[in-house]
């Protein structure tokens, strides 16, 4: 496929950073953002902070797909939180052809099947991208000189010319990217790692939550095994990551942490821990730890509590 334009739906931490790097590499990019973030991008550009310093990027930005005219060669990079995926896809159906490639640049594993209901060409990306978005008009890529590992494959499986072309574009933007026919095996391993996102967001970084994370991930592995879902091993994942992503002295925080920090009132735990809960219910595997993390995180987000505001003892008591 000859990619003519990247439409980045969700110009936050991951989408905004990648959109900026693709733009710098000479690709045509349009960002879809909203609210004060969109206003800041339009008024003064997107401020991109990296290990090489800060720079302003002037990138076209709109508030929705209805302001775009779809064309051959478009590729949509879907980078919204999972709870916003269905609404984003419905918006896209009125603006772009149903054969337009939809690349799910998201955590979780529910986005790809949702996209496949509406679009015929869907791709998953295993996102390893330490990046933050905490204020309007600003994104920060925490790893440098390689900002991300973004392996891609067709959903549910396979590699084609589009996957090859998008991977090449990601590489041109300074990221590591490989086409993978088994991309969902990698995304399911990433799901297991993301089961700790809510815990990271809730308690202080100095608290030892190793036992909680182990319990959540052991539940997750039991559920995936019972469901017959294959996932890569920690050894495979470690070999892929190696020392590619070199993060600075400041701690890298999860997307869930950032949601609490921005006071959005929502958190994507339903599509991380909640995915394990869903599969556990389908296959008769108890998932009490993930279920309680899911519910606890929802309450904290709804109440507008900031990250790190939950005493470890309170979380432990909630988990039982």
C-alpha atoms as a PDB file:
ATOM      1  CA  UNK A   1       0.000   0.000   0.000  1.00  0.00           C
ATOM      2  CA  UNK A   2       1.124   3.543  -0.736  1.00  0.00           C
ATOM      3  CA  UNK A   3       0.288   5.490   2.426  1.00  0.00           C
ATOM      4  CA  UNK A   4      -0.694   9.054   1.541  1.00  0.00           C
ATOM      5  CA  UNK A   5      -1.910  10.372   4.894  1.00  0.00           C
ATOM      6  CA  UNK A   6      -2.066   9.322   8.529  1.00  0.00           C
ATOM      7  CA  UNK A   7      -5.236  10.328  10.372  1.00  0.00           C
ATOM      8  CA  UNK A   8      -4.398  10.179  14.072  1.00  0.00           C
ATOM      9  CA  UNK A   9      -7.630   9.816  16.014  1.00  0.00           C
ATOM     10  CA  UNK A  10      -6.652  10.663  19.596  1.00  0.00           C
ATOM     11  CA  UNK A  11      -3.710  13.038  19.726  1.00  0.00           C
ATOM     12  CA  UNK A  12      -2.820  12.414  23.360  1.00  0.00           C
ATOM     13  CA  UNK A  13       0.355  10.876  24.730  1.00  0.00           C
ATOM     14  CA  UNK A  14       0.829   8.093  22.179  1.00  0.00           C
ATOM     15  CA  UNK A  15      -1.117   9.517  19.241  1.00  0.00           C
ATOM     16  CA  UNK A  16       0.248  13.028  19.580  1.00  0.00           C
ATOM     17  CA  UNK A  17       3.845  11.893  19.974  1.00  0.00           C
ATOM     18  CA  UNK A  18       3.727   9.444  17.077  1.00  0.00           C
ATOM     19  CA  UNK A  19       1.876  11.919  14.893  1.00  0.00           C
ATOM     20  CA  UNK A  20       4.593  14.472  15.549  1.00  0.00           C
ATOM     21  CA  UNK A  21       7.396  12.023  14.738  1.00  0.00           C
ATOM     22  CA  UNK A  22       5.672  10.951  11.516  1.00  0.00           C
ATOM     23  CA  UNK A  23       5.180  14.594  10.590  1.00  0.00           C
ATOM     24  CA  UNK A  24       8.847  15.324  11.206  1.00  0.00           C
ATOM     25  CA  UNK A  25       9.742  12.379   8.971  1.00  0.00           C
ATOM     26  CA  UNK A  26       7.873  13.983   6.078  1.00  0.00           C
ATOM     27  CA  UNK A  27       4.561  12.099   6.221  1.00  0.00           C
ATOM     28  CA  UNK A  28       1.253  13.887   5.790  1.00  0.00           C
ATOM     29  CA  UNK A  29      -0.499  13.823   9.171  1.00  0.00           C
ATOM     30  CA  UNK A  30      -3.738  15.216  10.520  1.00  0.00           C
ATOM     31  CA  UNK A  31      -4.563  15.028  14.228  1.00  0.00           C
ATOM     32  CA  UNK A  32      -8.013  14.589  15.731  1.00  0.00           C
ATOM     33  CA  UNK A  33      -8.131  16.113  19.197  1.00  0.00           C
ATOM     34  CA  UNK A  34     -10.655  17.909  21.382  1.00  0.00           C
ATOM     35  CA  UNK A  35     -11.155  20.652  23.936  1.00  0.00           C
ATOM     36  CA  UNK A  36      -8.257  22.714  25.273  1.00  0.00           C
ATOM     37  CA  UNK A  37      -5.736  20.289  23.746  1.00  0.00           C
ATOM     38  CA  UNK A  38      -7.121  20.937  20.267  1.00  0.00           C
ATOM     39  CA  UNK A  39      -7.231  24.684  20.923  1.00  0.00           C
ATOM     40  CA  UNK A  40      -3.580  24.700  21.999  1.00  0.00           C
ATOM     41  CA  UNK A  41      -2.459  22.704  18.949  1.00  0.00           C
ATOM     42  CA  UNK A  42      -4.323  25.055  16.624  1.00  0.00           C
ATOM     43  CA  UNK A  43      -3.182  28.234  18.375  1.00  0.00           C
ATOM     44  CA  UNK A  44       0.521  27.537  18.846  1.00  0.00           C
ATOM     45  CA  UNK A  45       1.304  24.024  17.629  1.00  0.00           C
ATOM     46  CA  UNK A  46       2.054  20.800  19.463  1.00  0.00           C
ATOM     47  CA  UNK A  47       4.966  21.034  21.899  1.00  0.00           C
ATOM     48  CA  UNK A  48       6.925  17.790  21.743  1.00  0.00           C
ATOM     49  CA  UNK A  49       9.438  17.120  24.500  1.00  0.00           C
ATOM     50  CA  UNK A  50      12.108  14.459  23.932  1.00  0.00           C
ATOM     51  CA  UNK A  51      15.570  13.601  25.194  1.00  0.00           C
ATOM     52  CA  UNK A  52      16.880  15.955  22.528  1.00  0.00           C
ATOM     53  CA  UNK A  53      14.893  18.909  23.871  1.00  0.00           C
ATOM     54  CA  UNK A  54      11.551  20.544  23.145  1.00  0.00           C
ATOM     55  CA  UNK A  55      10.197  21.667  19.796  1.00  0.00           C
ATOM     56  CA  UNK A  56       6.929  22.998  18.430  1.00  0.00           C
ATOM     57  CA  UNK A  57       5.306  21.079  15.606  1.00  0.00           C
ATOM     58  CA  UNK A  58       2.729  22.723  13.361  1.00  0.00           C
ATOM     59  CA  UNK A  59       0.381  19.902  12.386  1.00  0.00           C
ATOM     60  CA  UNK A  60      -3.152  20.212  10.992  1.00  0.00           C
ATOM     61  CA  UNK A  61      -5.708  19.364  13.659  1.00  0.00           C
ATOM     62  CA  UNK A  62      -9.489  18.940  13.643  1.00  0.00           C
ATOM     63  CA  UNK A  63     -12.128  18.092  16.223  1.00  0.00           C
ATOM     64  CA  UNK A  64     -13.615  15.114  14.408  1.00  0.00           C
ATOM     65  CA  UNK A  65     -13.638  12.980  11.257  1.00  0.00           C
ATOM     66  CA  UNK A  66     -16.612  14.935   9.910  1.00  0.00           C
ATOM     67  CA  UNK A  67     -14.150  17.744   9.137  1.00  0.00           C
ATOM     68  CA  UNK A  68     -12.123  15.456   6.867  1.00  0.00           C
ATOM     69  CA  UNK A  69     -12.612  14.158   3.358  1.00  0.00           C
ATOM     70  CA  UNK A  70     -11.471  10.559   3.167  1.00  0.00           C
ATOM     71  CA  UNK A  71      -9.224   9.588   0.272  1.00  0.00           C
ATOM     72  CA  UNK A  72      -7.362   6.616  -1.139  1.00  0.00           C
ATOM     73  CA  UNK A  73      -4.124   6.122   0.756  1.00  0.00           C
ATOM     74  CA  UNK A  74      -5.512   7.199   4.124  1.00  0.00           C
ATOM     75  CA  UNK A  75      -4.524   5.163   7.184  1.00  0.00           C
ATOM     76  CA  UNK A  76      -6.255   5.777  10.515  1.00  0.00           C
ATOM     77  CA  UNK A  77      -4.122   5.460  13.638  1.00  0.00           C
ATOM     78  CA  UNK A  78      -6.686   4.883  16.386  1.00  0.00           C
ATOM     79  CA  UNK A  79      -5.167   6.104  19.645  1.00  0.00           C
ATOM     80  CA  UNK A  80      -8.158   6.854  21.868  1.00  0.00           C
ATOM     81  CA  UNK A  81      -8.705   5.074  25.171  1.00  0.00           C
ATOM     82  CA  UNK A  82     -10.556   1.792  24.758  1.00  0.00           C
ATOM     83  CA  UNK A  83     -13.783   3.058  26.328  1.00  0.00           C
ATOM     84  CA  UNK A  84     -13.966   5.666  23.526  1.00  0.00           C
ATOM     85  CA  UNK A  85     -13.262   3.260  20.676  1.00  0.00           C
ATOM     86  CA  UNK A  86     -16.816   2.470  19.594  1.00  0.00           C
ATOM     87  CA  UNK A  87     -17.813   6.137  19.392  1.00  0.00           C
ATOM     88  CA  UNK A  88     -14.644   6.944  17.440  1.00  0.00           C
ATOM     89  CA  UNK A  89     -15.295   4.116  14.973  1.00  0.00           C
ATOM     90  CA  UNK A  90     -18.863   5.268  14.394  1.00  0.00           C
ATOM     91  CA  UNK A  91     -17.591   8.789  13.730  1.00  0.00           C
ATOM     92  CA  UNK A  92     -15.102   7.401  11.228  1.00  0.00           C
ATOM     93  CA  UNK A  93     -17.743   5.463   9.274  1.00  0.00           C
ATOM     94  CA  UNK A  94     -19.254   8.708   8.006  1.00  0.00           C
ATOM     95  CA  UNK A  95     -15.916  10.173   6.918  1.00  0.00           C
ATOM     96  CA  UNK A  96     -13.757   7.406   5.459  1.00  0.00           C
ATOM     97  CA  UNK A  97     -14.320   4.357   3.283  1.00  0.00           C
ATOM     98  CA  UNK A  98     -15.024   1.085   5.109  1.00  0.00           C
ATOM     99  CA  UNK A  99     -11.891  -0.386   3.473  1.00  0.00           C
ATOM    100  CA  UNK A 100      -9.644   2.274   5.034  1.00  0.00           C
ATOM    101  CA  UNK A 101      -6.989   0.604   7.204  1.00  0.00           C
ATOM    102  CA  UNK A 102      -7.685   1.059  10.915  1.00  0.00           C
ATOM    103  CA  UNK A 103      -4.536   0.644  13.004  1.00  0.00           C
ATOM    104  CA  UNK A 104      -5.318   0.120  16.694  1.00  0.00           C
ATOM    105  CA  UNK A 105      -2.527   1.898  18.521  1.00  0.00           C
ATOM    106  CA  UNK A 106      -4.063   1.046  21.893  1.00  0.00           C
ATOM    107  CA  UNK A 107      -3.731  -1.055  25.015  1.00  0.00           C
ATOM    108  CA  UNK A 108      -6.111  -3.930  25.530  1.00  0.00           C
ATOM    109  CA  UNK A 109      -7.460  -6.458  23.041  1.00  0.00           C
ATOM    110  CA  UNK A 110     -11.078  -5.344  22.553  1.00  0.00           C
ATOM    111  CA  UNK A 111     -10.405  -2.576  20.043  1.00  0.00           C
ATOM    112  CA  UNK A 112      -9.492  -4.739  17.075  1.00  0.00           C
ATOM    113  CA  UNK A 113     -12.682  -6.864  17.088  1.00  0.00           C
ATOM    114  CA  UNK A 114     -14.748  -3.698  17.565  1.00  0.00           C
ATOM    115  CA  UNK A 115     -13.070  -2.145  14.531  1.00  0.00           C
ATOM    116  CA  UNK A 116     -13.560  -5.292  12.448  1.00  0.00           C
ATOM    117  CA  UNK A 117     -17.337  -4.953  12.885  1.00  0.00           C
ATOM    118  CA  UNK A 118     -17.229  -1.729  10.883  1.00  0.00           C
ATOM    119  CA  UNK A 119     -14.044  -1.827   8.783  1.00  0.00           C
ATOM    120  CA  UNK A 120     -12.595  -4.599   6.661  1.00  0.00           C
ATOM    121  CA  UNK A 121      -8.888  -3.874   7.152  1.00  0.00           C
ATOM    122  CA  UNK A 122      -7.875  -3.817  10.803  1.00  0.00           C
ATOM    123  CA  UNK A 123      -4.389  -3.940  12.337  1.00  0.00           C
ATOM    124  CA  UNK A 124      -3.145  -4.337  15.887  1.00  0.00           C
ATOM    125  CA  UNK A 125      -0.055  -2.693  17.317  1.00  0.00           C
ATOM    126  CA  UNK A 126       1.780  -3.849  20.425  1.00  0.00           C
ATOM    127  CA  UNK A 127       2.533  -0.430  21.886  1.00  0.00           C
ATOM    128  CA  UNK A 128       5.687   0.027  23.932  1.00  0.00           C
ATOM    129  CA  UNK A 129       5.817   3.813  24.069  1.00  0.00           C
ATOM    130  CA  UNK A 130       6.748   5.585  27.337  1.00  0.00           C
ATOM    131  CA  UNK A 131       5.084   8.924  26.788  1.00  0.00           C
ATOM    132  CA  UNK A 132       2.966  11.393  28.737  1.00  0.00           C
ATOM    133  CA  UNK A 133       0.298  13.994  28.069  1.00  0.00           C
ATOM    134  CA  UNK A 134      -0.613  16.014  31.152  1.00  0.00           C
ATOM    135  CA  UNK A 135      -1.310  19.500  29.829  1.00  0.00           C
ATOM    136  CA  UNK A 136      -3.000  20.883  26.716  1.00  0.00           C
ATOM    137  CA  UNK A 137      -0.762  21.158  23.684  1.00  0.00           C
ATOM    138  CA  UNK A 138       2.137  19.196  25.203  1.00  0.00           C
ATOM    139  CA  UNK A 139       3.324  15.605  24.821  1.00  0.00           C
ATOM    140  CA  UNK A 140       6.535  14.100  26.166  1.00  0.00           C
ATOM    141  CA  UNK A 141       8.313  11.046  24.780  1.00  0.00           C
ATOM    142  CA  UNK A 142      10.171   9.586  27.722  1.00  0.00           C
ATOM    143  CA  UNK A 143      12.462   7.155  25.852  1.00  0.00           C
ATOM    144  CA  UNK A 144      15.262   8.440  23.638  1.00  0.00           C
ATOM    145  CA  UNK A 145      16.822   8.179  21.068  1.00  0.00           C
ATOM    146  CA  UNK A 146      14.331   5.414  20.187  1.00  0.00           C
ATOM    147  CA  UNK A 147      10.956   6.606  21.445  1.00  0.00           C
ATOM    148  CA  UNK A 148       8.908   3.448  20.901  1.00  0.00           C
ATOM    149  CA  UNK A 149       8.613  -0.160  19.788  1.00  0.00           C
ATOM    150  CA  UNK A 150       5.518  -0.499  17.608  1.00  0.00           C
ATOM    151  CA  UNK A 151       5.208  -3.966  16.108  1.00  0.00           C
ATOM    152  CA  UNK A 152       2.178  -4.359  13.838  1.00  0.00           C
ATOM    153  CA  UNK A 153       0.135  -7.131  12.279  1.00  0.00           C
ATOM    154  CA  UNK A 154      -3.164  -7.647  10.542  1.00  0.00           C
ATOM    155  CA  UNK A 155      -6.086  -8.630  12.768  1.00  0.00           C
ATOM    156  CA  UNK A 156      -6.822 -11.389  13.595  1.00  0.00           C
ATOM    157  CA  UNK A 157      -3.551 -12.633  12.089  1.00  0.00           C
ATOM    158  CA  UNK A 158      -1.207 -12.155   9.183  1.00  0.00           C
ATOM    159  CA  UNK A 159       1.007  -9.590   7.500  1.00  0.00           C
ATOM    160  CA  UNK A 160       0.244  -7.784   4.252  1.00  0.00           C
ATOM    161  CA  UNK A 161       1.504  -4.831   2.208  1.00  0.00           C
ATOM    162  CA  UNK A 162      -0.273  -2.348   4.479  1.00  0.00           C
ATOM    163  CA  UNK A 163       1.332  -3.750   7.635  1.00  0.00           C
ATOM    164  CA  UNK A 164       4.718  -3.593   5.896  1.00  0.00           C
ATOM    165  CA  UNK A 165       4.134  -0.010   4.759  1.00  0.00           C
ATOM    166  CA  UNK A 166       2.963   1.224   8.150  1.00  0.00           C
ATOM    167  CA  UNK A 167       5.876  -0.492   9.902  1.00  0.00           C
ATOM    168  CA  UNK A 168       8.254   1.210   7.462  1.00  0.00           C
ATOM    169  CA  UNK A 169       6.634   4.576   8.227  1.00  0.00           C
ATOM    170  CA  UNK A 170       7.019   3.980  11.950  1.00  0.00           C
ATOM    171  CA  UNK A 171      10.696   3.180  11.410  1.00  0.00           C
ATOM    172  CA  UNK A 172      11.156   6.354   9.371  1.00  0.00           C
ATOM    173  CA  UNK A 173       9.822   8.235  12.417  1.00  0.00           C
ATOM    174  CA  UNK A 174      12.584   6.786  14.605  1.00  0.00           C
ATOM    175  CA  UNK A 175      10.626   3.927  16.175  1.00  0.00           C
ATOM    176  CA  UNK A 176      11.417   0.229  16.126  1.00  0.00           C
ATOM    177  CA  UNK A 177       8.703  -1.637  14.240  1.00  0.00           C
ATOM    178  CA  UNK A 178       8.372  -5.143  12.866  1.00  0.00           C
ATOM    179  CA  UNK A 179       5.452  -6.699  11.002  1.00  0.00           C
ATOM    180  CA  UNK A 180       4.202  -9.712  12.984  1.00  0.00           C
ATOM    181  CA  UNK A 181       1.714 -12.305  11.787  1.00  0.00           C
ATOM    182  CA  UNK A 182       0.982 -13.228  15.424  1.00  0.00           C
ATOM    183  CA  UNK A 183       0.529  -9.691  16.729  1.00  0.00           C
ATOM    184  CA  UNK A 184      -2.279 -10.667  19.121  1.00  0.00           C
ATOM    185  CA  UNK A 185       0.027 -13.046  21.008  1.00  0.00           C
ATOM    186  CA  UNK A 186       2.116  -9.964  21.777  1.00  0.00           C
ATOM    187  CA  UNK A 187      -0.894  -7.864  22.646  1.00  0.00           C
ATOM    188  CA  UNK A 188      -2.177 -10.479  25.096  1.00  0.00           C
ATOM    189  CA  UNK A 189       1.189 -10.469  26.859  1.00  0.00           C
ATOM    190  CA  UNK A 190       1.005  -6.673  26.965  1.00  0.00           C
ATOM    191  CA  UNK A 191      -2.478  -7.028  28.471  1.00  0.00           C
ATOM    192  CA  UNK A 192      -0.987  -9.085  31.308  1.00  0.00           C
ATOM    193  CA  UNK A 193       1.590  -6.349  31.904  1.00  0.00           C
ATOM    194  CA  UNK A 194      -1.126  -3.672  31.822  1.00  0.00           C
ATOM    195  CA  UNK A 195      -3.022  -5.366  34.662  1.00  0.00           C
ATOM    196  CA  UNK A 196      -0.759  -3.323  36.930  1.00  0.00           C
ATOM    197  CA  UNK A 197      -1.671   0.042  35.382  1.00  0.00           C
ATOM    198  CA  UNK A 198      -4.496   0.756  37.816  1.00  0.00           C
ATOM    199  CA  UNK A 199      -2.382  -0.271  40.802  1.00  0.00           C
ATOM    200  CA  UNK A 200       0.402   2.028  39.587  1.00  0.00           C
ATOM    201  CA  UNK A 201      -2.135   4.844  39.363  1.00  0.00           C
ATOM    202  CA  UNK A 202      -3.722   4.289  42.761  1.00  0.00           C
ATOM    203  CA  UNK A 203      -0.824   4.002  45.211  1.00  0.00           C
ATOM    204  CA  UNK A 204       2.398   5.866  45.827  1.00  0.00           C
ATOM    205  CA  UNK A 205       5.415   4.859  43.714  1.00  0.00           C
ATOM    206  CA  UNK A 206       7.332   4.005  46.894  1.00  0.00           C
ATOM    207  CA  UNK A 207       4.797   1.359  47.972  1.00  0.00           C
ATOM    208  CA  UNK A 208       5.722  -2.256  47.306  1.00  0.00           C
ATOM    209  CA  UNK A 209       2.865  -3.685  45.248  1.00  0.00           C
ATOM    210  CA  UNK A 210       4.740  -6.704  43.894  1.00  0.00           C
ATOM    211  CA  UNK A 211       2.437  -9.220  45.582  1.00  0.00           C
ATOM    212  CA  UNK A 212      -0.683  -7.532  44.211  1.00  0.00           C
ATOM    213  CA  UNK A 213       0.709  -7.414  40.677  1.00  0.00           C
ATOM    214  CA  UNK A 214       1.745 -11.058  40.854  1.00  0.00           C
ATOM    215  CA  UNK A 215      -1.724 -12.100  41.995  1.00  0.00           C
ATOM    216  CA  UNK A 216      -3.418 -10.129  39.209  1.00  0.00           C
ATOM    217  CA  UNK A 217      -1.136 -11.512  36.515  1.00  0.00           C
ATOM    218  CA  UNK A 218      -1.341 -15.101  37.735  1.00  0.00           C
ATOM    219  CA  UNK A 219      -5.125 -14.811  37.487  1.00  0.00           C
ATOM    220  CA  UNK A 220      -4.684 -13.379  34.001  1.00  0.00           C
ATOM    221  CA  UNK A 221      -2.480 -16.213  32.809  1.00  0.00           C
ATOM    222  CA  UNK A 222      -4.883 -18.819  34.204  1.00  0.00           C
ATOM    223  CA  UNK A 223      -7.765 -17.175  32.367  1.00  0.00           C
ATOM    224  CA  UNK A 224      -5.949 -16.908  29.035  1.00  0.00           C
ATOM    225  CA  UNK A 225      -4.853 -20.530  29.306  1.00  0.00           C
ATOM    226  CA  UNK A 226      -8.403 -21.669  30.071  1.00  0.00           C
ATOM    227  CA  UNK A 227      -9.671 -19.654  27.114  1.00  0.00           C
ATOM    228  CA  UNK A 228      -7.085 -21.231  24.798  1.00  0.00           C
ATOM    229  CA  UNK A 229      -5.533 -17.834  24.068  1.00  0.00           C
ATOM    230  CA  UNK A 230      -1.832 -17.861  23.235  1.00  0.00           C
ATOM    231  CA  UNK A 231       0.490 -15.164  24.540  1.00  0.00           C
ATOM    232  CA  UNK A 232       4.230 -14.644  24.286  1.00  0.00           C
ATOM    233  CA  UNK A 233       6.405 -15.450  27.258  1.00  0.00           C
ATOM    234  CA  UNK A 234       8.206 -12.931  29.420  1.00  0.00           C
ATOM    235  CA  UNK A 235      11.441 -14.226  27.901  1.00  0.00           C
ATOM    236  CA  UNK A 236      10.228 -13.483  24.357  1.00  0.00           C
ATOM    237  CA  UNK A 237       9.015 -10.058  25.411  1.00  0.00           C
ATOM    238  CA  UNK A 238      12.286  -9.283  27.185  1.00  0.00           C
ATOM    239  CA  UNK A 239      14.283 -10.295  24.136  1.00  0.00           C
ATOM    240  CA  UNK A 240      12.186  -7.992  21.953  1.00  0.00           C
ATOM    241  CA  UNK A 241      12.534  -5.037  24.285  1.00  0.00           C
ATOM    242  CA  UNK A 242      16.213  -5.551  25.128  1.00  0.00           C
ATOM    243  CA  UNK A 243      17.686  -2.165  25.952  1.00  0.00           C
ATOM    244  CA  UNK A 244      15.953  -0.408  23.055  1.00  0.00           C
ATOM    245  CA  UNK A 245      13.863   1.961  25.173  1.00  0.00           C
ATOM    246  CA  UNK A 246      16.064   4.090  27.388  1.00  0.00           C
ATOM    247  CA  UNK A 247      13.930   6.147  29.739  1.00  0.00           C
ATOM    248  CA  UNK A 248      15.342   9.139  31.594  1.00  0.00           C
ATOM    249  CA  UNK A 249      15.674   9.586  35.323  1.00  0.00           C
ATOM    250  CA  UNK A 250      12.002  10.409  35.874  1.00  0.00           C
ATOM    251  CA  UNK A 251       9.664   7.487  36.430  1.00  0.00           C
ATOM    252  CA  UNK A 252       7.564   6.445  33.448  1.00  0.00           C
ATOM    253  CA  UNK A 253       3.885   6.469  34.413  1.00  0.00           C
ATOM    254  CA  UNK A 254       1.013   4.499  32.930  1.00  0.00           C
ATOM    255  CA  UNK A 255      -1.854   5.858  30.859  1.00  0.00           C
ATOM    256  CA  UNK A 256      -4.154   5.111  33.809  1.00  0.00           C
ATOM    257  CA  UNK A 257      -1.970   7.290  36.071  1.00  0.00           C
ATOM    258  CA  UNK A 258      -2.249  10.082  33.514  1.00  0.00           C
ATOM    259  CA  UNK A 259      -6.038   9.770  33.388  1.00  0.00           C
ATOM    260  CA  UNK A 260      -6.228  10.342  37.142  1.00  0.00           C
ATOM    261  CA  UNK A 261      -3.703  13.178  36.936  1.00  0.00           C
ATOM    262  CA  UNK A 262      -5.784  14.967  34.298  1.00  0.00           C
ATOM    263  CA  UNK A 263      -8.960  14.385  36.301  1.00  0.00           C
ATOM    264  CA  UNK A 264     -10.835  12.898  33.345  1.00  0.00           C
ATOM    265  CA  UNK A 265     -13.300  11.070  35.595  1.00  0.00           C
ATOM    266  CA  UNK A 266     -12.716   7.822  33.739  1.00  0.00           C
ATOM    267  CA  UNK A 267     -10.069   5.120  33.480  1.00  0.00           C
ATOM    268  CA  UNK A 268      -9.625   2.269  30.983  1.00  0.00           C
ATOM    269  CA  UNK A 269      -9.453  -0.479  33.616  1.00  0.00           C
ATOM    270  CA  UNK A 270     -12.639  -2.069  32.237  1.00  0.00           C
ATOM    271  CA  UNK A 271     -10.633  -3.015  29.142  1.00  0.00           C
ATOM    272  CA  UNK A 272      -7.524  -4.191  30.996  1.00  0.00           C
ATOM    273  CA  UNK A 273      -8.374  -5.922  34.288  1.00  0.00           C
ATOM    274  CA  UNK A 274     -11.962  -6.019  33.064  1.00  0.00           C
ATOM    275  CA  UNK A 275     -10.924  -8.079  30.036  1.00  0.00           C
ATOM    276  CA  UNK A 276      -9.578 -10.758  32.377  1.00  0.00           C
ATOM    277  CA  UNK A 277     -12.766 -10.590  34.435  1.00  0.00           C
ATOM    278  CA  UNK A 278     -14.863 -11.026  31.282  1.00  0.00           C
ATOM    279  CA  UNK A 279     -12.867 -14.015  30.057  1.00  0.00           C
ATOM    280  CA  UNK A 280     -12.867 -15.532  33.539  1.00  0.00           C
ATOM    281  CA  UNK A 281     -16.647 -15.382  33.685  1.00  0.00           C
ATOM    282  CA  UNK A 282     -16.917 -16.950  30.243  1.00  0.00           C
ATOM    283  CA  UNK A 283     -14.605 -19.824  31.103  1.00  0.00           C
ATOM    284  CA  UNK A 284     -15.421 -20.422  34.758  1.00  0.00           C
ATOM    285  CA  UNK A 285     -12.159 -19.086  36.212  1.00  0.00           C
ATOM    286  CA  UNK A 286     -12.441 -16.917  39.356  1.00  0.00           C
ATOM    287  CA  UNK A 287     -10.758 -13.509  39.043  1.00  0.00           C
ATOM    288  CA  UNK A 288     -11.373 -11.776  42.407  1.00  0.00           C
ATOM    289  CA  UNK A 289      -8.194  -9.687  42.393  1.00  0.00           C
ATOM    290  CA  UNK A 290      -8.732  -8.229  38.935  1.00  0.00           C
ATOM    291  CA  UNK A 291     -12.427  -7.671  39.606  1.00  0.00           C
ATOM    292  CA  UNK A 292     -11.711  -5.709  42.776  1.00  0.00           C
ATOM    293  CA  UNK A 293      -8.947  -3.681  41.129  1.00  0.00           C
ATOM    294  CA  UNK A 294     -11.362  -2.870  38.315  1.00  0.00           C
ATOM    295  CA  UNK A 295     -14.098  -1.657  40.632  1.00  0.00           C
ATOM    296  CA  UNK A 296     -11.739   0.202  42.993  1.00  0.00           C
ATOM    297  CA  UNK A 297     -10.103   2.105  40.114  1.00  0.00           C
ATOM    298  CA  UNK A 298     -13.489   3.099  38.702  1.00  0.00           C
ATOM    299  CA  UNK A 299     -14.533   4.598  42.036  1.00  0.00           C
ATOM    300  CA  UNK A 300     -11.275   6.524  42.450  1.00  0.00           C
ATOM    301  CA  UNK A 301     -11.536   7.930  38.908  1.00  0.00           C
ATOM    302  CA  UNK A 302     -15.183   8.869  39.324  1.00  0.00           C
ATOM    303  CA  UNK A 303     -14.433  10.663  42.589  1.00  0.00           C
ATOM    304  CA  UNK A 304     -11.647  12.644  40.920  1.00  0.00           C
ATOM    305  CA  UNK A 305      -8.958  11.470  43.318  1.00  0.00           C
ATOM    306  CA  UNK A 306      -5.406  12.141  42.103  1.00  0.00           C
ATOM    307  CA  UNK A 307      -2.836   9.420  41.370  1.00  0.00           C
ATOM    308  CA  UNK A 308      -1.018   8.032  44.391  1.00  0.00           C
ATOM    309  CA  UNK A 309      -3.811   9.051  46.761  1.00  0.00           C
ATOM    310  CA  UNK A 310      -4.781   5.560  47.935  1.00  0.00           C
ATOM    311  CA  UNK A 311      -2.896   4.188  50.960  1.00  0.00           C
ATOM    312  CA  UNK A 312      -1.537   0.735  50.211  1.00  0.00           C
ATOM    313  CA  UNK A 313      -3.353  -0.615  53.263  1.00  0.00           C
ATOM    314  CA  UNK A 314      -6.675   0.576  51.817  1.00  0.00           C
ATOM    315  CA  UNK A 315      -6.026  -1.192  48.515  1.00  0.00           C
ATOM    316  CA  UNK A 316      -4.918  -4.390  50.235  1.00  0.00           C
ATOM    317  CA  UNK A 317      -8.052  -4.363  52.375  1.00  0.00           C
ATOM    318  CA  UNK A 318     -10.220  -3.874  49.266  1.00  0.00           C
ATOM    319  CA  UNK A 319      -8.566  -6.830  47.535  1.00  0.00           C
ATOM    320  CA  UNK A 320      -9.082  -9.124  50.519  1.00  0.00           C
END
